[in-house]
């Protein structure tokens, strides 16, 4: 029986995954890789490499490794995609931006929406949105949750650092009060050190004042 070379096995498997993991973007009409497809492809590549170096029939082991890796990668990708879509629906119109960074889901909550000026107390007007976010985080328990505070450069660096830490902790405390397990949460304050826009303009400073919730899969989705 003719054996399929290791490289050919990997190439064939990945080509199939890339094709299956694509969907048509309704806005552009172009075929694009879905997040689930990306996860499957990455998992397949890792599984193929690990299977291929484990000895014996490299082609067969690579194929088995690719299949297992694809299943794990697709499972994680789909899990996070479902969570992302639900969070988008719940925060629509609130000013919160939901995005994906690899397998992570990131919620960008502008400071002027979440807090009053120079305050670390969650705004009453924002509580309904944060309640919805907490409910989804509680539902999708196989994620770690990091809450990160950021400020603009107005004022002293030490004050901004403390304010960012207090705001991150305030959001974390609110999530805990709504049922999110404390063991899943970490907080960090970055002060003015990670701007996303120029601090030379009012709009730039407004963008820099924010709290980000970063949801990271634990790997227990399978």
C-alpha atoms as a PDB file:
ATOM      1  CA  UNK A   1       0.000   0.000   0.000  1.00  0.00           C
ATOM      2  CA  UNK A   2       1.315   3.444  -0.915  1.00  0.00           C
ATOM      3  CA  UNK A   3       1.919   5.652   2.095  1.00  0.00           C
ATOM      4  CA  UNK A   4       1.079   9.325   2.011  1.00  0.00           C
ATOM      5  CA  UNK A   5       4.126  11.417   2.955  1.00  0.00           C
ATOM      6  CA  UNK A   6       3.969  13.375   6.204  1.00  0.00           C
ATOM      7  CA  UNK A   7       4.058  16.775   4.492  1.00  0.00           C
ATOM      8  CA  UNK A   8       1.367  15.779   2.031  1.00  0.00           C
ATOM      9  CA  UNK A   9      -0.875  14.586   4.849  1.00  0.00           C
ATOM     10  CA  UNK A  10      -0.545  17.915   6.623  1.00  0.00           C
ATOM     11  CA  UNK A  11      -1.115  19.903   3.441  1.00  0.00           C
ATOM     12  CA  UNK A  12      -4.207  17.938   2.419  1.00  0.00           C
ATOM     13  CA  UNK A  13      -5.748  18.144   5.879  1.00  0.00           C
ATOM     14  CA  UNK A  14      -5.114  21.839   6.274  1.00  0.00           C
ATOM     15  CA  UNK A  15      -6.444  22.607   2.800  1.00  0.00           C
ATOM     16  CA  UNK A  16      -9.680  20.811   3.617  1.00  0.00           C
ATOM     17  CA  UNK A  17     -10.018  22.660   6.907  1.00  0.00           C
ATOM     18  CA  UNK A  18      -9.359  26.029   5.322  1.00  0.00           C
ATOM     19  CA  UNK A  19     -12.066  25.372   2.750  1.00  0.00           C
ATOM     20  CA  UNK A  20     -14.603  24.071   5.265  1.00  0.00           C
ATOM     21  CA  UNK A  21     -13.878  26.865   7.720  1.00  0.00           C
ATOM     22  CA  UNK A  22     -14.740  29.649   5.289  1.00  0.00           C
ATOM     23  CA  UNK A  23     -17.974  31.569   4.927  1.00  0.00           C
ATOM     24  CA  UNK A  24     -19.118  34.406   2.686  1.00  0.00           C
ATOM     25  CA  UNK A  25     -18.991  37.849   4.269  1.00  0.00           C
ATOM     26  CA  UNK A  26     -22.410  39.395   3.516  1.00  0.00           C
ATOM     27  CA  UNK A  27     -20.912  42.890   3.410  1.00  0.00           C
ATOM     28  CA  UNK A  28     -18.045  42.203   0.988  1.00  0.00           C
ATOM     29  CA  UNK A  29     -19.207  39.073  -0.826  1.00  0.00           C
ATOM     30  CA  UNK A  30     -15.761  37.569  -0.218  1.00  0.00           C
ATOM     31  CA  UNK A  31     -15.000  34.163   1.258  1.00  0.00           C
ATOM     32  CA  UNK A  32     -13.383  34.599   4.684  1.00  0.00           C
ATOM     33  CA  UNK A  33     -12.122  32.289   7.405  1.00  0.00           C
ATOM     34  CA  UNK A  34     -14.500  32.055  10.355  1.00  0.00           C
ATOM     35  CA  UNK A  35     -13.191  32.185  13.932  1.00  0.00           C
ATOM     36  CA  UNK A  36     -14.174  28.554  14.390  1.00  0.00           C
ATOM     37  CA  UNK A  37     -12.347  27.664  11.193  1.00  0.00           C
ATOM     38  CA  UNK A  38      -9.256  29.505  12.353  1.00  0.00           C
ATOM     39  CA  UNK A  39      -9.294  27.589  15.618  1.00  0.00           C
ATOM     40  CA  UNK A  40      -9.697  24.298  13.798  1.00  0.00           C
ATOM     41  CA  UNK A  41      -6.851  25.075  11.398  1.00  0.00           C
ATOM     42  CA  UNK A  42      -4.486  26.108  14.186  1.00  0.00           C
ATOM     43  CA  UNK A  43      -5.410  23.053  16.238  1.00  0.00           C
ATOM     44  CA  UNK A  44      -4.972  20.792  13.227  1.00  0.00           C
ATOM     45  CA  UNK A  45      -1.535  22.190  12.452  1.00  0.00           C
ATOM     46  CA  UNK A  46      -0.376  21.714  16.031  1.00  0.00           C
ATOM     47  CA  UNK A  47      -1.891  18.243  16.213  1.00  0.00           C
ATOM     48  CA  UNK A  48      -0.319  17.207  12.930  1.00  0.00           C
ATOM     49  CA  UNK A  49       3.136  18.297  14.042  1.00  0.00           C
ATOM     50  CA  UNK A  50       2.843  16.567  17.411  1.00  0.00           C
ATOM     51  CA  UNK A  51       1.458  13.423  15.823  1.00  0.00           C
ATOM     52  CA  UNK A  52       4.106  13.413  13.129  1.00  0.00           C
ATOM     53  CA  UNK A  53       7.030  13.506  15.526  1.00  0.00           C
ATOM     54  CA  UNK A  54       5.697  10.851  17.899  1.00  0.00           C
ATOM     55  CA  UNK A  55       7.185   7.944  15.990  1.00  0.00           C
ATOM     56  CA  UNK A  56       5.832   5.100  13.853  1.00  0.00           C
ATOM     57  CA  UNK A  57       3.876   5.843  10.688  1.00  0.00           C
ATOM     58  CA  UNK A  58       4.326   9.611  10.532  1.00  0.00           C
ATOM     59  CA  UNK A  59       1.600  10.173   7.954  1.00  0.00           C
ATOM     60  CA  UNK A  60      -0.995   8.191   9.892  1.00  0.00           C
ATOM     61  CA  UNK A  61      -0.062   9.737  13.219  1.00  0.00           C
ATOM     62  CA  UNK A  62      -0.074  13.202  11.689  1.00  0.00           C
ATOM     63  CA  UNK A  63      -3.572  12.628  10.338  1.00  0.00           C
ATOM     64  CA  UNK A  64      -4.806  11.436  13.734  1.00  0.00           C
ATOM     65  CA  UNK A  65      -3.114  14.356  15.468  1.00  0.00           C
ATOM     66  CA  UNK A  66      -4.572  16.819  12.977  1.00  0.00           C
ATOM     67  CA  UNK A  67      -8.080  15.467  13.490  1.00  0.00           C
ATOM     68  CA  UNK A  68      -7.797  15.669  17.267  1.00  0.00           C
ATOM     69  CA  UNK A  69      -6.241  19.123  17.145  1.00  0.00           C
ATOM     70  CA  UNK A  70      -8.904  20.369  14.749  1.00  0.00           C
ATOM     71  CA  UNK A  71     -11.685  19.150  17.025  1.00  0.00           C
ATOM     72  CA  UNK A  72     -10.181  20.906  20.029  1.00  0.00           C
ATOM     73  CA  UNK A  73      -9.438  24.096  18.105  1.00  0.00           C
ATOM     74  CA  UNK A  74     -12.894  24.199  16.555  1.00  0.00           C
ATOM     75  CA  UNK A  75     -14.518  23.566  19.923  1.00  0.00           C
ATOM     76  CA  UNK A  76     -12.687  26.463  21.552  1.00  0.00           C
ATOM     77  CA  UNK A  77     -13.309  28.730  18.571  1.00  0.00           C
ATOM     78  CA  UNK A  78     -17.038  27.989  18.492  1.00  0.00           C
ATOM     79  CA  UNK A  79     -17.356  28.401  22.255  1.00  0.00           C
ATOM     80  CA  UNK A  80     -15.765  31.841  22.155  1.00  0.00           C
ATOM     81  CA  UNK A  81     -17.673  32.819  19.012  1.00  0.00           C
ATOM     82  CA  UNK A  82     -20.991  32.040  20.698  1.00  0.00           C
ATOM     83  CA  UNK A  83     -19.982  34.111  23.705  1.00  0.00           C
ATOM     84  CA  UNK A  84     -18.836  36.980  21.486  1.00  0.00           C
ATOM     85  CA  UNK A  85     -22.115  37.036  19.552  1.00  0.00           C
ATOM     86  CA  UNK A  86     -24.198  37.051  22.713  1.00  0.00           C
ATOM     87  CA  UNK A  87     -22.160  39.876  24.221  1.00  0.00           C
ATOM     88  CA  UNK A  88     -22.532  41.908  21.019  1.00  0.00           C
ATOM     89  CA  UNK A  89     -26.302  41.567  21.222  1.00  0.00           C
ATOM     90  CA  UNK A  90     -26.430  42.475  24.901  1.00  0.00           C
ATOM     91  CA  UNK A  91     -24.194  45.550  24.627  1.00  0.00           C
ATOM     92  CA  UNK A  92     -25.591  46.919  21.344  1.00  0.00           C
ATOM     93  CA  UNK A  93     -26.128  50.664  21.606  1.00  0.00           C
ATOM     94  CA  UNK A  94     -24.381  50.923  24.982  1.00  0.00           C
ATOM     95  CA  UNK A  95     -21.063  52.276  23.704  1.00  0.00           C
ATOM     96  CA  UNK A  96     -19.249  49.025  24.544  1.00  0.00           C
ATOM     97  CA  UNK A  97     -17.111  47.594  21.743  1.00  0.00           C
ATOM     98  CA  UNK A  98     -16.792  43.803  21.480  1.00  0.00           C
ATOM     99  CA  UNK A  99     -13.917  42.355  19.448  1.00  0.00           C
ATOM    100  CA  UNK A 100     -11.870  39.191  19.002  1.00  0.00           C
ATOM    101  CA  UNK A 101      -8.115  38.956  19.502  1.00  0.00           C
ATOM    102  CA  UNK A 102      -7.239  35.410  18.542  1.00  0.00           C
ATOM    103  CA  UNK A 103      -9.321  33.184  20.814  1.00  0.00           C
ATOM    104  CA  UNK A 104      -9.871  36.015  23.299  1.00  0.00           C
ATOM    105  CA  UNK A 105     -13.011  38.144  23.446  1.00  0.00           C
ATOM    106  CA  UNK A 106     -12.361  41.765  24.449  1.00  0.00           C
ATOM    107  CA  UNK A 107     -14.948  44.239  25.736  1.00  0.00           C
ATOM    108  CA  UNK A 108     -13.845  47.866  25.536  1.00  0.00           C
ATOM    109  CA  UNK A 109     -15.929  49.962  27.933  1.00  0.00           C
ATOM    110  CA  UNK A 110     -15.341  53.716  27.505  1.00  0.00           C
ATOM    111  CA  UNK A 111     -14.629  55.570  30.724  1.00  0.00           C
ATOM    112  CA  UNK A 112     -17.284  58.242  30.118  1.00  0.00           C
ATOM    113  CA  UNK A 113     -19.911  55.489  29.822  1.00  0.00           C
ATOM    114  CA  UNK A 114     -18.779  53.371  32.751  1.00  0.00           C
ATOM    115  CA  UNK A 115     -17.809  56.052  35.297  1.00  0.00           C
ATOM    116  CA  UNK A 116     -18.420  59.672  36.163  1.00  0.00           C
ATOM    117  CA  UNK A 117     -15.457  62.001  35.695  1.00  0.00           C
ATOM    118  CA  UNK A 118     -12.599  61.240  38.104  1.00  0.00           C
ATOM    119  CA  UNK A 119     -14.696  58.533  39.793  1.00  0.00           C
ATOM    120  CA  UNK A 120     -14.136  54.829  40.390  1.00  0.00           C
ATOM    121  CA  UNK A 121     -17.795  54.085  41.105  1.00  0.00           C
ATOM    122  CA  UNK A 122     -19.688  52.300  38.335  1.00  0.00           C
ATOM    123  CA  UNK A 123     -22.296  54.616  36.839  1.00  0.00           C
ATOM    124  CA  UNK A 124     -25.882  53.698  37.710  1.00  0.00           C
ATOM    125  CA  UNK A 125     -26.830  54.204  34.057  1.00  0.00           C
ATOM    126  CA  UNK A 126     -24.324  51.517  33.046  1.00  0.00           C
ATOM    127  CA  UNK A 127     -25.456  48.882  35.533  1.00  0.00           C
ATOM    128  CA  UNK A 128     -28.050  47.281  33.238  1.00  0.00           C
ATOM    129  CA  UNK A 129     -25.405  46.684  30.566  1.00  0.00           C
ATOM    130  CA  UNK A 130     -22.940  45.320  33.097  1.00  0.00           C
ATOM    131  CA  UNK A 131     -25.657  43.043  34.480  1.00  0.00           C
ATOM    132  CA  UNK A 132     -26.047  41.504  31.021  1.00  0.00           C
ATOM    133  CA  UNK A 133     -22.292  41.105  30.658  1.00  0.00           C
ATOM    134  CA  UNK A 134     -22.083  39.417  34.062  1.00  0.00           C
ATOM    135  CA  UNK A 135     -24.894  37.019  33.145  1.00  0.00           C
ATOM    136  CA  UNK A 136     -23.083  35.911  29.984  1.00  0.00           C
ATOM    137  CA  UNK A 137     -19.740  35.547  31.760  1.00  0.00           C
ATOM    138  CA  UNK A 138     -21.486  33.410  34.371  1.00  0.00           C
ATOM    139  CA  UNK A 139     -23.130  31.287  31.674  1.00  0.00           C
ATOM    140  CA  UNK A 140     -19.839  30.680  29.846  1.00  0.00           C
ATOM    141  CA  UNK A 141     -17.809  29.458  32.789  1.00  0.00           C
ATOM    142  CA  UNK A 142     -14.856  28.022  30.862  1.00  0.00           C
ATOM    143  CA  UNK A 143     -13.161  31.396  30.505  1.00  0.00           C
ATOM    144  CA  UNK A 144     -10.766  33.409  32.606  1.00  0.00           C
ATOM    145  CA  UNK A 145     -11.670  37.067  33.093  1.00  0.00           C
ATOM    146  CA  UNK A 146      -9.163  39.903  33.266  1.00  0.00           C
ATOM    147  CA  UNK A 147     -10.385  43.425  34.014  1.00  0.00           C
ATOM    148  CA  UNK A 148      -7.899  46.116  32.968  1.00  0.00           C
ATOM    149  CA  UNK A 149      -8.160  49.834  33.716  1.00  0.00           C
ATOM    150  CA  UNK A 150      -6.678  52.571  31.502  1.00  0.00           C
ATOM    151  CA  UNK A 151      -6.533  56.367  31.735  1.00  0.00           C
ATOM    152  CA  UNK A 152      -5.404  59.305  29.628  1.00  0.00           C
ATOM    153  CA  UNK A 153      -2.278  61.290  30.496  1.00  0.00           C
ATOM    154  CA  UNK A 154      -4.038  64.180  32.242  1.00  0.00           C
ATOM    155  CA  UNK A 155      -2.694  64.561  35.773  1.00  0.00           C
ATOM    156  CA  UNK A 156       0.219  62.754  37.379  1.00  0.00           C
ATOM    157  CA  UNK A 157       1.264  59.270  36.322  1.00  0.00           C
ATOM    158  CA  UNK A 158       0.953  57.982  39.892  1.00  0.00           C
ATOM    159  CA  UNK A 159      -2.603  59.280  40.260  1.00  0.00           C
ATOM    160  CA  UNK A 160      -3.611  57.811  36.900  1.00  0.00           C
ATOM    161  CA  UNK A 161      -2.124  54.464  37.872  1.00  0.00           C
ATOM    162  CA  UNK A 162      -4.140  54.380  41.080  1.00  0.00           C
ATOM    163  CA  UNK A 163      -7.328  55.479  39.299  1.00  0.00           C
ATOM    164  CA  UNK A 164      -6.945  52.749  36.674  1.00  0.00           C
ATOM    165  CA  UNK A 165      -6.480  50.134  39.395  1.00  0.00           C
ATOM    166  CA  UNK A 166      -9.506  51.357  41.351  1.00  0.00           C
ATOM    167  CA  UNK A 167     -11.698  51.359  38.250  1.00  0.00           C
ATOM    168  CA  UNK A 168     -10.627  47.847  37.271  1.00  0.00           C
ATOM    169  CA  UNK A 169     -11.354  46.633  40.784  1.00  0.00           C
ATOM    170  CA  UNK A 170     -14.735  48.404  40.827  1.00  0.00           C
ATOM    171  CA  UNK A 171     -15.840  46.595  37.662  1.00  0.00           C
ATOM    172  CA  UNK A 172     -14.531  43.274  39.002  1.00  0.00           C
ATOM    173  CA  UNK A 173     -16.368  43.793  42.288  1.00  0.00           C
ATOM    174  CA  UNK A 174     -19.572  44.545  40.409  1.00  0.00           C
ATOM    175  CA  UNK A 175     -19.229  41.369  38.335  1.00  0.00           C
ATOM    176  CA  UNK A 176     -18.684  39.376  41.530  1.00  0.00           C
ATOM    177  CA  UNK A 177     -21.796  40.943  43.045  1.00  0.00           C
ATOM    178  CA  UNK A 178     -23.727  39.673  40.021  1.00  0.00           C
ATOM    179  CA  UNK A 179     -22.557  36.083  40.390  1.00  0.00           C
ATOM    180  CA  UNK A 180     -19.184  35.827  38.625  1.00  0.00           C
ATOM    181  CA  UNK A 181     -16.865  33.579  40.655  1.00  0.00           C
ATOM    182  CA  UNK A 182     -13.984  35.585  42.187  1.00  0.00           C
ATOM    183  CA  UNK A 183     -11.519  32.804  41.333  1.00  0.00           C
ATOM    184  CA  UNK A 184     -12.047  33.490  37.624  1.00  0.00           C
ATOM    185  CA  UNK A 185     -11.174  37.182  37.914  1.00  0.00           C
ATOM    186  CA  UNK A 186      -7.925  39.119  37.878  1.00  0.00           C
ATOM    187  CA  UNK A 187      -7.535  42.893  37.797  1.00  0.00           C
ATOM    188  CA  UNK A 188      -4.764  45.148  36.579  1.00  0.00           C
ATOM    189  CA  UNK A 189      -4.305  48.879  36.160  1.00  0.00           C
ATOM    190  CA  UNK A 190      -2.183  50.221  33.322  1.00  0.00           C
ATOM    191  CA  UNK A 191      -2.603  53.904  34.107  1.00  0.00           C
ATOM    192  CA  UNK A 192      -1.649  56.019  31.101  1.00  0.00           C
ATOM    193  CA  UNK A 193       0.902  53.524  29.703  1.00  0.00           C
ATOM    194  CA  UNK A 194      -1.228  51.868  26.998  1.00  0.00           C
ATOM    195  CA  UNK A 195      -3.017  54.584  25.013  1.00  0.00           C
ATOM    196  CA  UNK A 196      -5.032  53.609  21.939  1.00  0.00           C
ATOM    197  CA  UNK A 197      -5.112  57.183  20.615  1.00  0.00           C
ATOM    198  CA  UNK A 198      -3.219  60.454  20.957  1.00  0.00           C
ATOM    199  CA  UNK A 199      -3.524  62.247  24.287  1.00  0.00           C
ATOM    200  CA  UNK A 200      -3.094  65.561  22.446  1.00  0.00           C
ATOM    201  CA  UNK A 201      -6.787  65.819  21.538  1.00  0.00           C
ATOM    202  CA  UNK A 202     -10.006  65.610  23.593  1.00  0.00           C
ATOM    203  CA  UNK A 203     -11.269  62.728  21.452  1.00  0.00           C
ATOM    204  CA  UNK A 204      -8.013  60.829  21.862  1.00  0.00           C
ATOM    205  CA  UNK A 205      -8.067  61.265  25.629  1.00  0.00           C
ATOM    206  CA  UNK A 206     -11.684  60.100  25.688  1.00  0.00           C
ATOM    207  CA  UNK A 207     -10.717  56.895  23.864  1.00  0.00           C
ATOM    208  CA  UNK A 208      -7.842  56.247  26.249  1.00  0.00           C
ATOM    209  CA  UNK A 209     -10.070  56.417  29.334  1.00  0.00           C
ATOM    210  CA  UNK A 210     -11.498  52.908  29.345  1.00  0.00           C
ATOM    211  CA  UNK A 211     -11.858  49.578  31.101  1.00  0.00           C
ATOM    212  CA  UNK A 212     -11.300  46.391  29.127  1.00  0.00           C
ATOM    213  CA  UNK A 213     -12.652  42.973  30.019  1.00  0.00           C
ATOM    214  CA  UNK A 214     -10.591  40.226  28.386  1.00  0.00           C
ATOM    215  CA  UNK A 215     -12.142  36.748  28.254  1.00  0.00           C
ATOM    216  CA  UNK A 216      -9.653  33.925  27.672  1.00  0.00           C
ATOM    217  CA  UNK A 217     -10.635  30.272  27.101  1.00  0.00           C
ATOM    218  CA  UNK A 218      -9.440  27.836  29.743  1.00  0.00           C
ATOM    219  CA  UNK A 219      -9.180  24.910  27.319  1.00  0.00           C
ATOM    220  CA  UNK A 220     -11.956  22.999  29.115  1.00  0.00           C
ATOM    221  CA  UNK A 221     -14.446  23.520  26.292  1.00  0.00           C
ATOM    222  CA  UNK A 222     -14.023  19.990  24.918  1.00  0.00           C
END
